[in-house]
Protein backbone atom coordinates (compact mmCIF):
# COMPACT_ATOMS: atom_id res chain seq x y z
CA UNK A 1 5.37 -7.44 -5.13
CA UNK A 2 2.31 -9.06 -3.56
CA UNK A 3 1.96 -7.80 -0.01
CA UNK A 4 -0.35 -5.84 2.22
CA UNK A 5 -3.50 -7.97 2.14
CA UNK A 6 -4.86 -9.38 5.36
CA UNK A 7 -3.01 -6.98 7.65
CA UNK A 8 -4.76 -4.74 10.14
CA UNK A 9 -3.39 -1.31 11.08
CA UNK A 10 -2.58 -2.77 14.52
CA UNK A 11 -0.37 -5.37 12.81
CA UNK A 12 1.68 -2.57 11.25
CA UNK A 13 2.08 -0.98 14.67
CA UNK A 14 3.25 -4.20 16.31
CA UNK A 15 5.70 -5.07 13.53
CA UNK A 16 7.06 -1.54 13.39
CA UNK A 17 7.49 -1.27 17.15
CA UNK A 18 9.30 -4.61 17.30
CA UNK A 19 11.53 -3.62 14.36
CA UNK A 20 12.36 -0.35 16.09
CA UNK A 21 13.25 -2.20 19.30
CA UNK A 22 15.62 -4.49 17.37
CA UNK A 23 17.26 -1.50 15.74
CA UNK A 24 17.69 0.31 19.05
CA UNK A 25 19.22 -2.82 20.54
CA UNK A 26 21.94 -2.73 17.88
CA UNK A 27 22.58 1.00 18.28
CA UNK A 28 20.48 2.48 15.48
CA UNK A 29 18.97 5.88 16.29
CA UNK A 30 17.43 6.90 12.94
CA UNK A 31 15.50 4.85 10.40
CA UNK A 32 14.74 5.57 6.74
CA UNK A 33 11.48 3.67 6.30
CA UNK A 34 9.99 3.03 2.86
CA UNK A 35 6.38 1.85 3.23
CA UNK A 36 4.75 -0.60 0.84
CA UNK A 37 1.98 0.70 -1.40
CA UNK A 38 -0.71 -1.12 0.59
CA UNK A 39 -4.39 -1.21 -0.41
CA UNK A 40 -5.51 2.38 -0.83
CA UNK A 41 -8.54 1.97 1.39
CA UNK A 42 -6.34 1.44 4.45
CA UNK A 43 -3.23 3.42 3.60
CA UNK A 44 -3.95 6.38 5.87
CA UNK A 45 -4.42 4.14 8.91
CA UNK A 46 -1.34 2.04 8.01
CA UNK A 47 0.84 5.15 7.79
CA UNK A 48 -0.42 6.40 11.15
CA UNK A 49 0.37 3.09 12.85
CA UNK A 50 3.86 2.79 11.33
CA UNK A 51 4.85 6.29 12.37
CA UNK A 52 3.35 5.68 15.83
CA UNK A 53 5.35 2.47 16.14
CA UNK A 54 8.64 4.26 15.57
CA UNK A 55 7.66 7.32 17.61
CA UNK A 56 6.65 5.25 20.64
CA UNK A 57 10.20 3.88 20.87
CA UNK A 58 11.78 7.33 20.53
CA UNK A 59 13.41 6.73 17.13
CA UNK A 60 13.94 9.34 14.46
CA UNK A 61 12.13 8.48 11.23
CA UNK A 62 12.56 9.52 7.61
CA UNK A 63 9.29 8.15 6.24
CA UNK A 64 8.03 7.59 2.71
CA UNK A 65 5.42 5.58 0.84
CA UNK A 66 6.67 4.16 -2.43
CA UNK A 67 4.70 4.42 -5.67
CA UNK A 68 4.36 1.93 -8.54
CA UNK A 69 2.13 2.44 -11.53
CA UNK A 70 3.39 0.05 -14.25
CA UNK A 71 5.40 -3.12 -14.91
CA UNK A 72 4.24 -4.33 -11.51
CA UNK A 73 4.35 -8.09 -12.16
CA UNK A 74 7.31 -8.41 -14.53
CA UNK A 75 9.30 -5.78 -16.43
CA UNK A 76 6.66 -5.53 -19.15
CA UNK A 77 3.22 -3.98 -19.57
CA UNK A 78 0.87 -5.35 -16.90
CA UNK A 79 -2.08 -5.91 -19.26
CA UNK A 80 0.08 -7.56 -21.92
CA UNK A 81 1.65 -10.00 -19.45
CA UNK A 82 -1.56 -10.80 -17.57
CA UNK A 83 -3.47 -11.43 -20.79
CA UNK A 84 -1.23 -14.44 -21.41
CA UNK A 85 -2.04 -16.09 -18.05
CA UNK A 86 -4.76 -18.67 -17.35
CA UNK A 87 -8.12 -17.00 -16.78
CA UNK A 88 -8.47 -17.67 -13.03
CA UNK A 89 -4.90 -16.59 -12.31
CA UNK A 90 -5.33 -13.44 -14.39
CA UNK A 91 -8.52 -12.54 -12.56
CA UNK A 92 -6.90 -13.03 -9.15
CA UNK A 93 -3.90 -10.95 -10.11
CA UNK A 94 -6.09 -8.18 -11.52
CA UNK A 95 -8.05 -8.09 -8.24
CA UNK A 96 -4.83 -7.66 -6.28
CA UNK A 97 -3.47 -4.93 -8.55
CA UNK A 98 -6.80 -3.08 -8.45
CA UNK A 99 -6.65 -3.06 -4.64
CA UNK A 100 -3.25 -1.36 -4.57
CA UNK A 101 -3.73 0.81 -7.65
CA UNK A 102 -3.38 4.53 -7.07
CA UNK A 103 -3.38 7.37 -9.63
CA UNK A 104 -0.31 9.60 -9.51
CA UNK A 105 -2.47 12.58 -8.51
CA UNK A 106 -3.75 10.65 -5.48
CA UNK A 107 -0.20 9.70 -4.49
CA UNK A 108 0.94 13.31 -4.54
CA UNK A 109 -2.16 14.36 -2.59
CA UNK A 110 -1.40 11.64 -0.05
CA UNK A 111 2.18 12.87 0.27
CA UNK A 112 0.96 16.39 0.99
CA UNK A 113 -1.44 15.10 3.64
CA UNK A 114 1.22 12.93 5.31
CA UNK A 115 3.75 15.76 5.17
CA UNK A 116 1.35 18.29 6.67
CA UNK A 117 0.31 15.88 9.43
CA UNK A 118 3.63 14.31 10.47
CA UNK A 119 6.56 16.43 9.24
CA UNK A 120 8.02 18.00 12.36
CA UNK A 121 10.66 20.32 10.90
CA UNK A 122 13.98 21.24 12.56
CA UNK A 123 14.38 19.69 15.98
CA UNK A 124 11.62 17.16 15.41
CA UNK A 125 11.89 13.42 14.84
CA UNK A 126 9.91 12.84 11.61
CA UNK A 127 10.78 13.74 8.03
CA UNK A 128 8.48 12.85 5.13
CA UNK A 129 10.07 11.98 1.78
CA UNK A 130 8.82 11.16 -1.72
CA UNK A 131 9.46 7.75 -3.24
CA UNK A 132 9.08 6.58 -6.84
CA UNK A 133 9.66 2.85 -6.28
CA UNK A 134 12.10 2.43 -9.19
CA UNK A 135 12.66 3.89 -12.62
CA UNK A 136 11.00 0.97 -14.43
CA UNK A 137 7.89 1.18 -12.23
CA UNK A 138 6.96 4.82 -12.88
CA UNK A 139 6.64 7.13 -15.86
CA UNK A 140 9.04 9.92 -16.76
CA UNK A 141 6.22 12.37 -16.11
CA UNK A 142 5.82 11.01 -12.57
CA UNK A 143 9.56 11.43 -11.95
CA UNK A 144 9.48 15.03 -13.16
CA UNK A 145 6.48 15.83 -10.96
CA UNK A 146 8.26 14.20 -8.02
CA UNK A 147 11.33 16.36 -8.58
CA UNK A 148 9.21 19.51 -8.68
CA UNK A 149 7.31 18.60 -5.51
CA UNK A 150 10.52 17.72 -3.66
CA UNK A 151 11.90 21.16 -4.55
CA UNK A 152 8.67 22.84 -3.43
CA UNK A 153 8.66 21.03 -0.08
CA UNK A 154 12.45 21.03 0.34
CA UNK A 155 12.39 17.32 1.05
CA UNK A 156 14.27 14.23 -0.08
CA UNK A 157 13.48 11.54 -2.64
CA UNK A 158 14.20 7.87 -2.07
CA UNK A 159 14.03 5.13 -4.69
CA UNK A 160 15.41 1.69 -5.54
CA UNK A 161 17.86 1.59 -8.45
CA UNK A 162 19.55 -1.20 -10.47
CA UNK A 163 19.19 -3.63 -7.62
CA UNK A 164 19.31 -6.56 -10.06
CA UNK A 165 20.91 -7.27 -13.42
CA UNK A 166 17.40 -7.46 -14.91
CA UNK A 167 16.77 -3.83 -13.98
CA UNK A 168 19.95 -2.80 -15.75
CA UNK A 169 18.95 -4.80 -18.83
CA UNK A 170 15.53 -3.13 -18.76
CA UNK A 171 17.30 0.18 -19.29
CA UNK A 172 19.18 -1.05 -22.34
CA UNK A 173 16.02 -2.60 -23.79
CA UNK A 174 13.81 0.46 -23.31
CA UNK A 175 16.16 3.48 -23.53
CA UNK A 176 19.33 1.98 -25.01
CA UNK A 177 21.16 3.25 -21.94
CA UNK A 178 21.45 2.46 -18.25
CA UNK A 179 18.70 3.52 -15.82
CA UNK A 180 21.17 5.90 -14.18
CA UNK A 181 21.92 7.57 -17.53
CA UNK A 182 18.18 7.86 -18.21
CA UNK A 183 17.59 9.53 -14.84
CA UNK A 184 20.45 11.92 -15.57
CA UNK A 185 18.90 12.83 -18.93
CA UNK A 186 15.68 13.67 -17.09
CA UNK A 187 17.58 15.89 -14.64
CA UNK A 188 16.37 13.67 -11.80
CA UNK A 189 19.71 12.93 -10.13
CA UNK A 190 20.82 15.31 -7.40
CA UNK A 191 21.71 15.79 -3.72
CA UNK A 192 18.09 15.33 -2.62
CA UNK A 193 17.98 11.82 -4.15
CA UNK A 194 19.04 8.61 -2.40
CA UNK A 195 19.12 5.30 -4.28
CA UNK A 196 18.87 1.96 -2.52
CA UNK A 197 21.13 -0.89 -3.67
CA UNK A 198 22.80 0.44 -6.88
CA UNK A 199 24.50 -2.91 -7.46
CA UNK A 200 24.64 -3.00 -11.28
CA UNK A 201 26.42 0.25 -12.10
CA UNK A 202 28.77 1.08 -14.95
CA UNK A 203 31.83 3.30 -14.44
CA UNK A 204 29.91 6.06 -16.24
CA UNK A 205 26.98 5.59 -13.85
CA UNK A 206 29.30 6.04 -10.89
CA UNK A 207 30.68 9.25 -12.38
CA UNK A 208 27.15 10.61 -12.86
CA UNK A 209 26.18 9.78 -9.28
CA UNK A 210 29.31 11.52 -7.99
CA UNK A 211 28.90 14.60 -10.21
CA UNK A 212 25.27 15.08 -9.17
CA UNK A 213 25.95 14.38 -5.45
CA UNK A 214 23.37 11.58 -5.47
CA UNK A 215 23.49 9.26 -2.44
CA UNK A 216 23.62 5.45 -2.64
CA UNK A 217 22.21 3.34 0.21
CA UNK A 218 24.16 0.07 0.41
CA UNK A 219 22.22 -2.98 1.66
CA UNK A 220 24.80 -5.76 1.62
CA UNK A 221 22.82 -8.47 3.46
CA UNK A 222 19.75 -7.97 1.31
CA UNK A 223 21.76 -8.00 -1.93
CA UNK A 224 23.45 -11.26 -0.97
CA UNK A 225 20.25 -12.90 0.22
CA UNK A 226 18.43 -12.08 -3.03
CA UNK A 227 21.36 -13.20 -5.23
CA UNK A 228 21.69 -9.68 -6.62
CA UNK A 229 25.44 -9.41 -6.17
CA UNK A 230 27.83 -6.98 -4.52
CA UNK A 231 27.59 -3.23 -5.05
CA UNK A 232 30.83 -1.55 -6.23
CA UNK A 233 31.26 0.39 -3.00
CA UNK A 234 35.03 0.86 -3.33
CA UNK A 235 34.64 2.39 -6.79
CA UNK A 236 31.84 4.66 -5.60
CA UNK A 237 33.78 5.92 -2.59
CA UNK A 238 36.87 6.50 -4.73
CA UNK A 239 34.76 8.61 -7.13
CA UNK A 240 33.32 10.67 -4.27
CA UNK A 241 29.81 9.19 -4.09
CA UNK A 242 28.11 9.54 -0.70
CA UNK A 243 27.58 5.87 0.21
CA UNK A 244 25.45 4.99 3.24
CA UNK A 245 24.50 1.71 4.88
CA UNK A 246 21.15 0.08 5.60
CA UNK A 247 19.73 -3.28 6.63
CA UNK A 248 16.69 -3.24 4.27
CA UNK A 249 14.19 -4.07 7.03
CA UNK A 250 13.21 -7.32 8.68
CA UNK A 251 11.52 -8.45 5.46
CA UNK A 252 15.01 -9.24 4.13
CA UNK A 253 17.25 -8.94 7.20
CA UNK A 254 15.72 -10.78 10.12
CA UNK A 255 17.63 -9.15 12.97
CA UNK A 256 18.17 -5.55 11.73
CA UNK A 257 21.51 -5.66 13.57
CA UNK A 258 23.48 -2.64 12.35
CA UNK A 259 26.71 -3.71 14.07
CA UNK A 260 26.57 -7.03 12.25
CA UNK A 261 25.87 -5.20 8.98
CA UNK A 262 28.84 -2.90 9.53
CA UNK A 263 31.09 -5.91 10.08
CA UNK A 264 29.82 -7.65 6.94
CA UNK A 265 30.28 -4.53 4.82
CA UNK A 266 33.80 -3.89 6.11
CA UNK A 267 34.85 -7.44 5.17
CA UNK A 268 32.88 -7.80 1.94
CA UNK A 269 34.70 -4.94 0.21
CA UNK A 270 38.28 -6.12 0.77
CA UNK A 271 39.39 -7.03 -2.74
CA UNK A 272 42.04 -9.75 -3.12
CA UNK A 273 45.59 -8.75 -4.02
CA UNK A 274 48.30 -6.47 -2.66
CA UNK A 275 47.44 -2.88 -3.45
CA UNK A 276 43.79 -3.62 -4.25
CA UNK A 277 41.10 -1.45 -2.63
CA UNK A 278 39.92 -2.43 0.83
CA UNK A 279 37.20 -0.78 2.86
CA UNK A 280 38.46 0.33 6.27
CA UNK A 281 36.59 0.11 9.55
CA UNK A 282 36.45 3.89 9.57
CA UNK A 283 34.80 3.84 6.11
CA UNK A 284 32.21 1.40 7.35
CA UNK A 285 31.46 3.44 10.47
CA UNK A 286 31.10 6.62 8.40
CA UNK A 287 28.67 4.88 6.04
CA UNK A 288 26.46 4.02 9.02
CA UNK A 289 26.65 7.46 10.68
CA UNK A 290 27.64 10.76 9.07
CA UNK A 291 27.13 9.57 5.48
CA UNK A 292 23.76 8.05 6.38
CA UNK A 293 22.47 11.29 7.89
CA UNK A 294 22.40 13.14 4.54
CA UNK A 295 19.49 11.38 2.78
CA UNK A 296 17.26 11.37 5.88
CA UNK A 297 16.81 15.14 5.96
CA UNK A 298 18.31 15.27 9.46
CA UNK A 299 21.87 15.84 8.19
CA UNK A 300 22.25 19.27 9.79
CA UNK A 301 21.30 17.81 13.17
CA UNK A 302 22.72 14.28 13.49
CA UNK A 303 25.50 11.98 12.33
CA UNK A 304 28.38 13.41 14.36
CA UNK A 305 29.10 14.21 18.00
CA UNK A 306 29.74 17.93 17.74
CA UNK A 307 28.49 21.13 19.34
CA UNK A 308 25.25 22.26 17.75
CA UNK A 309 24.13 18.73 16.80
CA UNK A 310 21.48 16.68 18.55
CA UNK A 311 22.71 14.44 21.36
CA UNK A 312 22.40 11.03 19.69
CA UNK A 313 24.77 8.53 21.30
CA UNK A 314 25.26 4.78 21.61
CA UNK A 315 27.15 3.32 24.58
CA UNK A 316 28.51 -0.24 24.50
CA UNK A 317 29.81 -2.40 27.33
CA UNK A 318 33.54 -2.17 26.68
CA UNK A 319 34.27 -5.04 29.06
CA UNK A 320 32.43 -7.46 26.81
CA UNK A 321 34.31 -6.22 23.74
CA UNK A 322 37.69 -6.51 25.47
CA UNK A 323 37.20 -10.03 26.84
CA UNK A 324 39.32 -12.04 27.19
CA UNK A 325 42.02 -9.61 26.02
CA UNK A 326 42.38 -6.61 23.73
CA UNK A 327 45.77 -5.23 22.78
CA UNK A 328 46.14 -1.55 23.64
CA UNK A 329 47.32 -0.84 20.08
CA UNK A 330 44.08 -2.05 18.49
CA UNK A 331 42.13 0.79 16.87
CA UNK A 332 38.89 1.31 18.84
CA UNK A 333 36.86 1.33 15.61
CA UNK A 334 38.43 -1.98 14.56
CA UNK A 335 37.53 -3.42 17.95
CA UNK A 336 33.96 -2.17 17.57
CA UNK A 337 33.47 -3.66 14.10
CA UNK A 338 35.25 -6.97 14.56
CA UNK A 339 34.14 -7.74 18.12
CA UNK A 340 31.03 -5.64 18.64
CA UNK A 341 27.60 -7.29 18.86
CA UNK A 342 24.13 -5.94 19.38
CA UNK A 343 24.02 -7.69 22.75
CA UNK A 344 26.84 -5.38 23.91
CA UNK A 345 24.81 -2.20 23.33
CA UNK A 346 23.99 -0.91 26.82
CA UNK A 347 22.53 2.58 26.32
CA UNK A 348 21.04 4.52 23.40
CA UNK A 349 20.38 8.24 23.69
CA UNK A 350 18.34 10.13 21.08
CA UNK A 351 18.14 13.91 21.32
CA UNK A 352 19.38 13.69 24.90
CA UNK A 353 16.71 11.19 25.97
CA UNK A 354 17.68 7.68 27.09
CA UNK A 355 15.57 5.31 24.95
CA UNK A 356 17.54 2.15 25.77
CA UNK A 357 19.05 1.46 29.20
CA UNK A 358 20.81 -1.76 30.24
CA UNK A 359 19.90 -3.15 26.82
CA UNK A 360 16.15 -2.63 27.35
CA UNK A 361 13.86 -0.02 25.74
CA UNK A 362 12.67 2.61 28.18
CA UNK A 363 9.66 4.05 26.36
CA UNK A 364 7.84 0.88 25.32
CA UNK A 365 7.19 -2.55 26.85
CA UNK A 366 9.11 -5.04 24.72
CA UNK A 367 7.63 -8.06 26.48
CA UNK A 368 4.10 -6.86 25.76
CA UNK A 369 4.92 -6.21 22.08
CA UNK A 370 6.40 -9.70 21.73
CA UNK A 371 3.40 -11.25 23.48
CA UNK A 372 0.95 -9.47 21.17
CA UNK A 373 2.96 -10.42 18.09
CA UNK A 374 3.01 -14.08 19.08
CA UNK A 375 -0.71 -14.03 19.76
CA UNK A 376 -1.55 -12.27 16.50
CA UNK A 377 0.62 -14.36 14.18
CA UNK A 378 -0.02 -17.72 15.81
CA UNK A 379 -3.63 -17.42 14.67
CA UNK A 380 -4.69 -19.17 11.44
CA UNK A 381 -3.98 -17.21 8.28
CA UNK A 382 -6.82 -15.00 7.13
CA UNK A 383 -8.46 -15.72 3.74
CA UNK A 384 -6.82 -12.77 1.97
CA UNK A 385 -3.30 -13.81 2.99
CA UNK A 386 -3.97 -17.40 1.92
CA UNK A 387 -5.25 -16.10 -1.40
CA UNK A 388 -2.14 -14.02 -2.01
CA UNK A 389 0.20 -16.89 -1.13
CA UNK A 390 -1.63 -19.24 -3.48
CA UNK A 391 -1.53 -16.56 -6.15
CA UNK A 392 2.24 -16.17 -5.80
CA UNK A 393 2.84 -19.91 -5.98
CA UNK A 394 0.75 -20.23 -9.15
CA UNK A 395 2.28 -17.13 -10.73
CA UNK A 396 5.95 -17.96 -10.13
CA UNK A 397 6.47 -20.37 -13.09
CA UNK A 398 5.12 -17.77 -15.52
CA UNK A 399 7.42 -15.09 -14.11
CA UNK A 400 10.42 -17.41 -14.40
CA UNK A 401 9.49 -18.23 -17.99
CA UNK A 402 9.26 -14.53 -18.84
CA UNK A 403 12.86 -13.91 -17.78
CA UNK A 404 14.34 -16.94 -19.58
CA UNK A 405 15.20 -14.75 -22.58
CA UNK A 406 16.86 -12.12 -20.38
CA UNK A 407 20.58 -12.57 -19.74
CA UNK A 408 22.24 -11.45 -16.52
CA UNK A 409 24.94 -8.89 -17.17
CA UNK A 410 28.00 -10.40 -18.83
CA UNK A 411 30.29 -7.37 -18.51
CA UNK A 412 33.59 -7.04 -16.69
CA UNK A 413 32.96 -7.22 -12.92
CA UNK A 414 33.96 -4.41 -10.59
CA UNK A 415 35.40 -6.95 -8.13
CA UNK A 416 37.25 -10.11 -9.15
CA UNK A 417 37.09 -12.43 -6.15
CA UNK A 418 38.46 -15.66 -7.62
CA UNK A 419 39.04 -17.48 -10.89
CA UNK A 420 38.83 -20.95 -12.39
CA UNK A 421 42.07 -20.41 -14.33
């Protein structure tokens, strides 16, 4: 919620470049990056530095800036909630929100500018998407305008959706239906839309996502770390939903290791009991490759090794995977998922260009990026960052109190892992 203050454009470049290096080192060739709604005064420069950070490493990028316009502190009207805070805290919070506030018309104008400047079209390495942050953070009118603009520009839409039980409850409190059902009523679901997380879904929600060909981006590590639960991936796949896999950035996944994420996902969705659904290694690999290509806008160019597609390849050191012994009957995909590590990635090729060789990036100096990062972030915190951290610490008890009357979902779980009985 409270981020962006105290960072220079150069900071965004350094952090992005280092993130891209980590992703390359674990075999990731394409990133879907959702940028924070940073202070408006510096947004243009921040966007330029983020895109430059990915481009300098050779990565493909599906880029978007997310937009929030309401319910930005808790899931209630900003003014109403802030008016109940102590005066100094309210003033500090209002200053922060004013710095990141952006009218919807300005957001759409910014999208057009970013699209015109960075969208590369077929054969290029940058796609620019639209991004309402989440259904409770934007108006219905904003969603409808987003849908129209996405159709006009033939681009994708990325948003967060029912990541937590509180977001699901928000839907019942405000529309007497789930957020997914509300989006369906608006005609917002569709093949151009990808939804991050989608943990708290009903069976009816899953049917709607499948019928509308809406994509779900599964972020298992992030969901577990934030105590948000486990997305019903088996049920979604069985219904025909296009489920992809992500790491949710270094803000919530410190190593951005896609091989480790694939292993976690393949094990997390193995439900107890003979005959119960179990995600296969092949399912997990597909979620990270061909399924994941669709929401990026590169789906007609990447995701598979076939004639007519771009030459994106990842080569691992098979000797390290086989040591000390690997039975000849072991499925190669099983071996990859259950023994593979980022340290075993030897070469990464994107569009025929070697961007990682012998485990080292070829287009950017990793040692120099690390040195600059250490130098920058070993310095004392700037006043704005200290102010935001103090603000968060003071605000937290009031946020926790607000949600005391909200009850996490008590419905029947999709997965039953164990029982007290």
